[in-house]
Amino acid sequence: MNVKKQMFQIIGAIFFGNFGSSVFSFATSLYILQRTGSALGMGLSLIISPIVTLLLTPYVGYVVDSFNHKRILIFSQLATIVALIVFGFLLIKYSKYYFVELIVLLIFLKIADSLLQNTLQSSVTQLVPKENFQQLNSIVQSSNSLATVVSPLVGAALFSIIPFGYFAFFEVISEIVTLCFIFLMTFGAQPSGIVYDHISESFISGLQFMRKNSMILIVSLFVAGINFFMAAMNVGLPYLQIHVLKLSTQQYGLTESSVAIGMVLGGIIFQLFKRQFSVPNAFCFMIMFAVILSFLGIPIFYNIGSSATTIFYCFVNLLLGCLIIFINTPLIAYFQTEVPVEYQGRVFSIQSTITSLLIPIGTVIYGVLFDLISGTWIFLGSGIILALISLVAVIRILKNKGEEDVIAR
């Protein structure tokens, strides 16, 4: 197996799939806002993702753990391409029904996207050797961040020159490129797991596996929980920078893009380390992340001017973006290494669902808090709580590891 060639194909598939979806998602938000003039319509399109993810959880895990991974990937891509082509023609011909068509398409795309993401995550053990897991995961996260930076620019440029219906065909091109990369991938043998008579039985067995493996359960809950605290950034920083500190939209856009740029840089820096990072290392990086999070409200107390404030947030966001790579990469590799392949689809699906639910919950809670309390104290409190949780997790993991070593002797 040519590992470098294989990694290039995996990264290419993930980048083009994510890039096309991001451009289409960006254009969809603009289109709905333009047609309705209401944030409610756009909000309805945004809540589809967590709802569909929740409903799909038992099914996605079952499919990924029961069927051939390459066939799942090919089928989900072909289904996505057909759906986009049909949608494109329908929207061009029957544009007055755009909202119904969009909702149906978004549901369909979310199903295909869930299958694609969970299957690829669960296929890493078949695609590259174990020693390349962390390297692959860091590059994948960086490529996703690059797509996040580039896609709004491309989406905004295209939105001004082509009708929205044609965006579907733009994503079709992207999905075809993704499909070509998938065809080129060489999959190893897929272990055969237990065949379940019912999907519910398969899902319950996945939950029982996580409950019986305390380390996996701790890390799963923590990875999902991080997204709750990330809402402090996602809600608080725009509110703080635009409404409180009065930065311009251009300055805010610069600071916002710094997180994604930091993740790209983090992936590059990660490649320079010739070592494998452990789960406790990831939690130590999380403590560093929490400390920086605590200081995000400092500019409220000091009138340093909009330019200096912009530089401060750009620098801090770059650091946070880098740390996200160093946190996520060892944790993802841990699941890929320690969770048996026949359970990975269900474990990743359950974790994805918890994450999808915690993001809107965190957004609502922090939205209320930032209306009632100074952002300085919210960031400080969130950072302290996250640091304490990370510290407890590190202690618990090291204790478990020590007990396992004693038993092994």
Protein backbone atom coordinates (compact mmCIF):
# COMPACT_ATOMS: atom_id res chain seq x y z
CA MET A 1 0.00 0.00 0.00
CA ASN A 2 1.32 3.44 -0.98
CA VAL A 3 0.48 5.33 2.24
CA LYS A 4 1.19 8.83 0.88
CA LYS A 5 -0.97 8.22 -2.19
CA GLN A 6 -3.72 6.78 -0.02
CA MET A 7 -3.63 9.76 2.35
CA PHE A 8 -3.77 12.18 -0.60
CA GLN A 9 -6.89 10.44 -1.90
CA ILE A 10 -8.59 10.51 1.53
CA ILE A 11 -7.80 14.19 2.06
CA GLY A 12 -8.91 15.03 -1.49
CA ALA A 13 -12.25 13.28 -0.97
CA ILE A 14 -12.89 15.01 2.35
CA PHE A 15 -11.75 18.46 1.15
CA PHE A 16 -13.85 18.55 -2.04
CA GLY A 17 -16.88 17.05 -0.29
CA ASN A 18 -16.66 19.63 2.49
CA PHE A 19 -15.85 22.51 0.13
CA GLY A 20 -18.83 21.86 -2.14
CA SER A 21 -21.20 21.44 0.81
CA SER A 22 -19.90 24.62 2.48
CA VAL A 23 -20.33 26.72 -0.67
CA PHE A 24 -23.85 25.36 -1.17
CA SER A 25 -24.76 25.89 2.51
CA PHE A 26 -23.47 29.48 2.39
CA ALA A 27 -25.46 30.21 -0.78
CA THR A 28 -28.58 28.55 0.71
CA SER A 29 -28.51 30.86 3.75
CA LEU A 30 -28.13 33.93 1.53
CA TYR A 31 -30.90 32.76 -0.81
CA ILE A 32 -33.43 32.09 1.95
CA LEU A 33 -32.62 35.41 3.59
CA GLN A 34 -32.97 37.17 0.23
CA ARG A 35 -36.30 35.51 -0.63
CA THR A 36 -37.94 35.77 2.82
CA GLY A 37 -36.20 38.81 4.30
CA SER A 38 -36.52 36.98 7.62
CA ALA A 39 -34.02 35.33 9.91
CA LEU A 40 -36.76 32.83 10.89
CA GLY A 41 -36.66 31.12 7.50
CA MET A 42 -32.89 30.80 7.71
CA GLY A 43 -33.22 29.56 11.30
CA LEU A 44 -35.60 26.80 10.20
CA SER A 45 -33.04 25.61 7.64
CA LEU A 46 -30.34 25.55 10.34
CA ILE A 47 -32.25 23.37 12.82
CA ILE A 48 -32.70 20.62 10.23
CA SER A 49 -29.17 19.32 10.76
CA PRO A 50 -29.39 18.49 14.50
CA ILE A 51 -32.92 17.07 14.14
CA VAL A 52 -31.98 14.78 11.24
CA THR A 53 -28.75 13.75 13.01
CA LEU A 54 -30.72 12.75 16.12
CA LEU A 55 -33.27 10.72 14.14
CA LEU A 56 -30.58 9.03 12.04
CA THR A 57 -28.31 7.94 14.92
CA PRO A 58 -29.41 4.28 15.23
CA TYR A 59 -29.59 3.80 11.46
CA VAL A 60 -26.25 5.35 10.46
CA GLY A 61 -24.31 3.37 13.07
CA TYR A 62 -26.05 0.15 12.02
CA VAL A 63 -25.38 0.69 8.30
CA VAL A 64 -21.70 1.62 8.79
CA ASP A 65 -21.03 -1.38 11.07
CA SER A 66 -22.97 -3.87 8.91
CA PHE A 67 -22.11 -3.12 5.27
CA ASN A 68 -19.05 -2.71 3.05
CA HIS A 69 -17.58 0.77 3.63
CA LYS A 70 -16.51 1.50 0.08
CA ARG A 71 -19.96 0.59 -1.24
CA ILE A 72 -21.61 2.85 1.35
CA LEU A 73 -19.38 5.77 0.30
CA ILE A 74 -20.04 5.24 -3.41
CA PHE A 75 -23.79 4.84 -2.89
CA SER A 76 -24.06 7.98 -0.69
CA GLN A 77 -22.14 10.04 -3.26
CA LEU A 78 -24.22 8.80 -6.19
CA ALA A 79 -27.43 9.50 -4.26
CA THR A 80 -26.18 13.01 -3.42
CA ILE A 81 -25.32 13.74 -7.06
CA VAL A 82 -28.74 12.55 -8.31
CA ALA A 83 -30.57 14.58 -5.61
CA LEU A 84 -28.64 17.74 -6.48
CA ILE A 85 -29.29 17.38 -10.22
CA VAL A 86 -33.03 16.85 -9.62
CA PHE A 87 -33.15 19.79 -7.22
CA GLY A 88 -31.29 22.07 -9.63
CA PHE A 89 -33.75 21.41 -12.46
CA LEU A 90 -36.78 21.68 -10.16
CA LEU A 91 -35.66 24.99 -8.69
CA ILE A 92 -34.95 26.48 -12.10
CA LYS A 93 -38.39 25.38 -13.42
CA TYR A 94 -40.54 25.70 -10.25
CA SER A 95 -38.81 28.41 -8.24
CA LYS A 96 -41.97 29.45 -6.37
CA TYR A 97 -41.82 26.19 -4.35
CA TYR A 98 -38.19 26.81 -3.43
CA PHE A 99 -38.58 26.45 0.35
CA VAL A 100 -40.17 22.98 0.27
CA GLU A 101 -37.61 21.83 -2.30
CA LEU A 102 -34.76 23.19 -0.19
CA ILE A 103 -35.95 21.54 3.02
CA VAL A 104 -36.32 18.16 1.30
CA LEU A 105 -32.89 18.52 -0.30
CA LEU A 106 -31.23 19.57 2.98
CA ILE A 107 -32.69 16.51 4.73
CA PHE A 108 -31.47 14.25 1.91
CA LEU A 109 -28.00 15.83 1.89
CA LYS A 110 -27.72 15.49 5.68
CA ILE A 111 -28.48 11.77 5.44
CA ALA A 112 -25.82 11.30 2.75
CA ASP A 113 -23.35 13.51 4.63
CA SER A 114 -23.81 11.55 7.87
CA LEU A 115 -23.15 8.30 6.05
CA LEU A 116 -20.08 9.76 4.32
CA GLN A 117 -18.50 11.23 7.47
CA ASN A 118 -19.17 8.27 9.76
CA THR A 119 -18.06 5.75 7.16
CA LEU A 120 -14.79 7.58 6.43
CA GLN A 121 -14.02 7.94 10.15
CA SER A 122 -14.69 4.23 10.65
CA SER A 123 -12.61 3.26 7.59
CA VAL A 124 -9.28 4.74 8.68
CA THR A 125 -8.09 1.39 10.07
CA GLN A 126 -8.66 -0.12 6.60
CA LEU A 127 -6.97 2.74 4.73
CA VAL A 128 -3.70 3.59 6.51
CA PRO A 129 -1.39 1.95 9.08
CA LYS A 130 -1.95 2.70 12.77
CA GLU A 131 1.16 4.90 13.03
CA ASN A 132 -0.31 7.28 10.43
CA PHE A 133 -3.65 7.86 12.19
CA GLN A 134 -2.66 11.09 13.93
CA GLN A 135 -0.87 12.48 10.89
CA LEU A 136 -3.92 11.80 8.70
CA ASN A 137 -6.37 13.26 11.24
CA SER A 138 -4.39 16.50 11.63
CA ILE A 139 -4.19 17.01 7.85
CA VAL A 140 -7.90 16.24 7.45
CA GLN A 141 -8.83 18.86 10.06
CA SER A 142 -6.55 21.41 8.39
CA SER A 143 -8.05 20.72 4.96
CA ASN A 144 -11.55 21.11 6.41
CA SER A 145 -10.52 24.45 7.92
CA LEU A 146 -9.07 25.56 4.59
CA ALA A 147 -12.39 24.70 2.93
CA THR A 148 -14.16 26.72 5.65
CA VAL A 149 -11.98 29.77 4.90
CA VAL A 150 -12.27 29.55 1.10
CA SER A 151 -15.91 28.49 0.66
CA PRO A 152 -17.60 31.75 1.83
CA LEU A 153 -15.38 33.74 -0.54
CA VAL A 154 -16.25 31.47 -3.47
CA GLY A 155 -19.92 31.32 -2.43
CA ALA A 156 -20.25 35.11 -2.19
CA ALA A 157 -18.52 35.61 -5.56
CA LEU A 158 -20.70 33.03 -7.34
CA PHE A 159 -23.92 34.24 -5.67
CA SER A 160 -23.49 37.63 -7.30
CA ILE A 161 -23.09 36.25 -10.83
CA ILE A 162 -25.18 33.04 -11.17
CA PRO A 163 -28.77 32.09 -10.21
CA PHE A 164 -29.08 30.06 -7.02
CA GLY A 165 -30.39 26.99 -8.85
CA TYR A 166 -27.03 26.57 -10.56
CA PHE A 167 -25.26 26.21 -7.19
CA ALA A 168 -26.61 22.66 -7.10
CA PHE A 169 -24.66 21.88 -10.28
CA PHE A 170 -21.54 23.49 -8.78
CA GLU A 171 -21.79 21.06 -5.86
CA VAL A 172 -22.43 18.19 -8.29
CA ILE A 173 -18.97 18.86 -9.79
CA SER A 174 -17.45 18.84 -6.31
CA GLU A 175 -19.23 15.60 -5.38
CA ILE A 176 -18.09 13.92 -8.62
CA VAL A 177 -14.48 14.81 -7.78
CA THR A 178 -15.05 13.34 -4.30
CA LEU A 179 -16.47 10.18 -5.85
CA CYS A 180 -13.41 9.82 -8.11
CA PHE A 181 -11.12 9.96 -5.06
CA ILE A 182 -13.26 7.31 -3.31
CA PHE A 183 -13.00 4.99 -6.33
CA LEU A 184 -9.19 5.33 -6.20
CA MET A 185 -8.93 4.42 -2.48
CA THR A 186 -7.69 0.95 -1.57
CA PHE A 187 -9.67 -0.51 1.32
CA GLY A 188 -8.26 -3.30 3.46
CA ALA A 189 -10.30 -6.23 4.73
CA GLN A 190 -13.28 -5.17 6.84
CA PRO A 191 -13.79 -7.34 9.94
CA SER A 192 -17.23 -8.91 10.11
CA GLY A 193 -19.15 -8.02 13.24
CA ILE A 194 -22.23 -9.52 14.85
CA VAL A 195 -25.28 -9.55 12.58
CA TYR A 196 -28.27 -8.06 14.44
CA ASP A 197 -31.89 -8.87 13.63
CA HIS A 198 -33.09 -5.40 14.59
CA ILE A 199 -31.56 -1.92 14.30
CA SER A 200 -32.60 -1.14 17.88
CA GLU A 201 -30.66 -4.19 19.09
CA SER A 202 -27.57 -2.97 17.25
CA PHE A 203 -27.92 0.55 18.69
CA ILE A 204 -28.39 -0.72 22.27
CA SER A 205 -25.30 -2.92 21.94
CA GLY A 206 -23.32 0.17 20.91
CA LEU A 207 -24.51 2.04 24.00
CA GLN A 208 -23.65 -0.95 26.19
CA PHE A 209 -20.16 -1.12 24.69
CA MET A 210 -19.54 2.53 25.55
CA ARG A 211 -20.93 2.11 29.06
CA LYS A 212 -18.69 -0.88 29.77
CA ASN A 213 -15.55 0.92 28.50
CA SER A 214 -15.11 3.82 30.93
CA MET A 215 -12.19 5.44 29.06
CA ILE A 216 -14.12 5.51 25.79
CA LEU A 217 -17.22 6.85 27.55
CA ILE A 218 -15.24 9.62 29.33
CA VAL A 219 -13.50 10.73 26.14
CA SER A 220 -16.76 10.54 24.11
CA LEU A 221 -18.68 12.71 26.56
CA PHE A 222 -15.79 15.16 26.84
CA VAL A 223 -15.37 15.51 23.06
CA ALA A 224 -19.10 16.20 22.73
CA GLY A 225 -19.06 18.52 25.76
CA ILE A 226 -16.31 20.69 24.29
CA ASN A 227 -18.84 21.89 21.73
CA PHE A 228 -21.04 23.24 24.51
CA PHE A 229 -18.23 25.51 25.68
CA MET A 230 -17.32 26.36 22.08
CA ALA A 231 -20.72 28.08 21.98
CA ALA A 232 -19.21 30.70 24.31
CA MET A 233 -16.91 31.66 21.44
CA ASN A 234 -19.47 31.23 18.67
CA VAL A 235 -22.06 33.40 20.46
CA GLY A 236 -19.89 35.62 22.64
CA LEU A 237 -17.21 36.80 20.25
CA PRO A 238 -19.56 38.22 17.59
CA TYR A 239 -21.66 39.92 20.31
CA LEU A 240 -18.61 41.26 22.10
CA GLN A 241 -16.72 42.48 19.06
CA ILE A 242 -19.60 44.04 17.11
CA HIS A 243 -22.06 45.26 19.77
CA VAL A 244 -19.78 45.99 22.74
CA LEU A 245 -16.38 46.83 21.24
CA LYS A 246 -17.88 48.29 18.03
CA LEU A 247 -15.51 46.60 15.57
CA SER A 248 -16.39 46.92 11.89
CA THR A 249 -17.74 43.89 10.01
CA GLN A 250 -14.43 43.72 8.13
CA GLN A 251 -12.46 43.61 11.38
CA TYR A 252 -14.80 40.97 12.80
CA GLY A 253 -14.50 38.91 9.61
CA LEU A 254 -10.71 39.01 9.96
CA THR A 255 -10.76 37.84 13.58
CA GLU A 256 -13.34 35.15 12.79
CA SER A 257 -11.28 33.69 9.94
CA SER A 258 -8.24 33.55 12.24
CA VAL A 259 -9.60 30.43 13.97
CA ALA A 260 -9.73 28.48 10.70
CA ILE A 261 -6.32 29.83 9.65
CA GLY A 262 -4.98 28.77 13.07
CA MET A 263 -6.30 25.25 12.45
CA VAL A 264 -4.53 25.12 9.08
CA LEU A 265 -1.29 26.27 10.74
CA GLY A 266 -1.89 23.84 13.60
CA GLY A 267 -2.07 20.96 11.14
CA ILE A 268 1.22 22.04 9.56
CA ILE A 269 2.92 22.42 12.98
CA PHE A 270 1.55 19.04 14.08
CA GLN A 271 3.35 17.38 11.15
CA LEU A 272 6.69 18.72 12.43
CA PHE A 273 6.41 16.68 15.63
CA LYS A 274 7.82 13.21 15.12
CA ARG A 275 5.80 11.71 17.97
CA GLN A 276 2.37 10.38 18.82
CA PHE A 277 0.36 12.46 21.31
CA SER A 278 -1.66 10.63 23.95
CA VAL A 279 -5.14 11.31 25.33
CA PRO A 280 -3.72 12.94 28.53
CA ASN A 281 -1.66 15.23 26.23
CA ALA A 282 -4.90 16.26 24.50
CA PHE A 283 -6.51 17.15 27.82
CA CYS A 284 -3.45 19.20 28.81
CA PHE A 285 -3.83 21.15 25.57
CA MET A 286 -7.51 21.54 26.52
CA ILE A 287 -6.45 23.19 29.80
CA MET A 288 -4.32 25.62 27.78
CA PHE A 289 -7.36 26.28 25.57
CA ALA A 290 -9.48 26.95 28.67
CA VAL A 291 -6.94 29.42 30.07
CA ILE A 292 -6.94 31.41 26.82
CA LEU A 293 -10.76 31.24 26.73
CA SER A 294 -10.81 32.85 30.19
CA PHE A 295 -9.09 35.98 28.89
CA LEU A 296 -11.26 36.64 25.82
CA GLY A 297 -13.19 39.36 27.65
CA ILE A 298 -10.12 41.43 28.64
CA PRO A 299 -10.55 44.14 25.92
CA ILE A 300 -13.80 45.22 27.60
CA PHE A 301 -11.78 46.66 30.50
CA TYR A 302 -9.11 48.40 28.42
CA ASN A 303 -9.80 50.96 25.71
CA ILE A 304 -6.92 50.02 23.39
CA GLY A 305 -8.63 51.04 20.14
CA SER A 306 -10.26 48.96 17.43
CA SER A 307 -7.01 48.16 15.57
CA ALA A 308 -5.25 46.83 18.67
CA THR A 309 -8.41 44.93 19.67
CA THR A 310 -8.55 43.34 16.20
CA ILE A 311 -4.89 42.29 16.46
CA PHE A 312 -5.52 40.86 19.96
CA TYR A 313 -8.44 38.70 18.80
CA CYS A 314 -6.65 37.61 15.62
CA PHE A 315 -3.67 36.42 17.66
CA VAL A 316 -5.80 34.71 20.31
CA ASN A 317 -7.99 33.00 17.70
CA LEU A 318 -4.90 31.75 15.86
CA LEU A 319 -3.71 30.14 19.12
CA LEU A 320 -7.13 28.62 19.78
CA GLY A 321 -7.29 27.26 16.23
CA CYS A 322 -3.87 25.61 16.63
CA LEU A 323 -4.87 24.11 19.98
CA ILE A 324 -8.07 22.65 18.50
CA ILE A 325 -5.89 20.53 16.16
CA PHE A 326 -3.67 19.35 19.03
CA ILE A 327 -6.77 18.49 21.09
CA ASN A 328 -8.87 16.74 18.44
CA THR A 329 -6.15 14.79 16.62
CA PRO A 330 -5.08 12.48 19.51
CA LEU A 331 -8.70 12.01 20.62
CA ILE A 332 -9.92 10.97 17.15
CA ALA A 333 -6.90 8.64 16.75
CA TYR A 334 -7.71 7.14 20.17
CA PHE A 335 -11.20 6.13 19.02
CA GLN A 336 -9.87 4.76 15.73
CA THR A 337 -7.28 2.71 17.62
CA GLU A 338 -9.15 1.54 20.71
CA VAL A 339 -12.74 1.09 19.48
CA PRO A 340 -13.15 -2.22 17.60
CA VAL A 341 -13.91 -1.62 13.92
CA GLU A 342 -17.27 -3.40 14.19
CA TYR A 343 -18.38 -0.80 16.80
CA GLN A 344 -16.87 2.37 15.32
CA GLY A 345 -19.89 3.31 13.20
CA ARG A 346 -22.18 3.29 16.25
CA VAL A 347 -19.68 5.02 18.56
CA PHE A 348 -18.98 7.83 16.07
CA SER A 349 -22.69 8.17 15.29
CA ILE A 350 -23.68 8.41 18.99
CA GLN A 351 -20.91 10.92 19.67
CA SER A 352 -21.92 13.00 16.63
CA THR A 353 -25.52 13.06 17.85
CA ILE A 354 -24.59 14.24 21.36
CA THR A 355 -22.42 16.94 19.79
CA SER A 356 -25.21 18.06 17.44
CA LEU A 357 -27.58 18.40 20.39
CA LEU A 358 -25.14 20.24 22.66
CA ILE A 359 -24.28 22.90 20.05
CA PRO A 360 -27.80 24.44 19.87
CA ILE A 361 -28.29 23.98 23.63
CA GLY A 362 -25.02 25.81 24.31
CA THR A 363 -25.95 28.50 21.78
CA VAL A 364 -29.28 29.20 23.51
CA ILE A 365 -27.80 29.20 27.03
CA TYR A 366 -24.88 31.47 26.14
CA GLY A 367 -27.18 33.69 24.11
CA VAL A 368 -29.24 34.34 27.25
CA LEU A 369 -26.15 34.74 29.46
CA PHE A 370 -24.52 37.34 27.20
CA ASP A 371 -27.72 39.39 27.35
CA LEU A 372 -27.67 39.35 31.15
CA ILE A 373 -24.02 39.23 32.28
CA SER A 374 -20.80 40.93 31.22
CA GLY A 375 -18.89 38.90 28.65
CA THR A 376 -15.73 39.16 30.76
CA TRP A 377 -17.22 37.07 33.57
CA ILE A 378 -18.85 34.59 31.19
CA PHE A 379 -15.55 33.84 29.44
CA LEU A 380 -13.70 33.69 32.77
CA GLY A 381 -16.26 31.33 34.31
CA SER A 382 -16.43 29.11 31.22
CA GLY A 383 -12.64 28.87 31.05
CA ILE A 384 -12.33 27.93 34.73
CA ILE A 385 -15.07 25.27 34.50
CA LEU A 386 -13.57 23.79 31.32
CA ALA A 387 -10.07 23.73 32.87
CA LEU A 388 -11.37 21.97 36.00
CA ILE A 389 -13.30 19.39 33.94
CA SER A 390 -10.17 18.76 31.82
CA LEU A 391 -8.02 18.37 34.93
CA VAL A 392 -10.47 15.90 36.49
CA ALA A 393 -10.56 13.97 33.18
CA VAL A 394 -6.74 13.77 33.06
CA ILE A 395 -6.59 12.50 36.66
CA ARG A 396 -9.34 9.94 35.99
CA ILE A 397 -7.68 8.71 32.79
CA LEU A 398 -4.24 8.39 34.42
CA LYS A 399 -5.84 6.56 37.36
CA ASN A 400 -7.61 4.13 35.01
CA LYS A 401 -4.38 3.59 33.10
CA GLY A 402 -2.52 2.89 36.34
CA GLU A 403 -5.15 0.34 37.38
CA GLU A 404 -4.97 -1.37 33.98
CA ASP A 405 -1.15 -1.57 34.22
CA VAL A 406 -1.42 -3.18 37.67
CA ILE A 407 -3.93 -5.74 36.37
CA ALA A 408 -1.68 -6.44 33.36
CA ARG A 409 1.20 -7.29 35.69
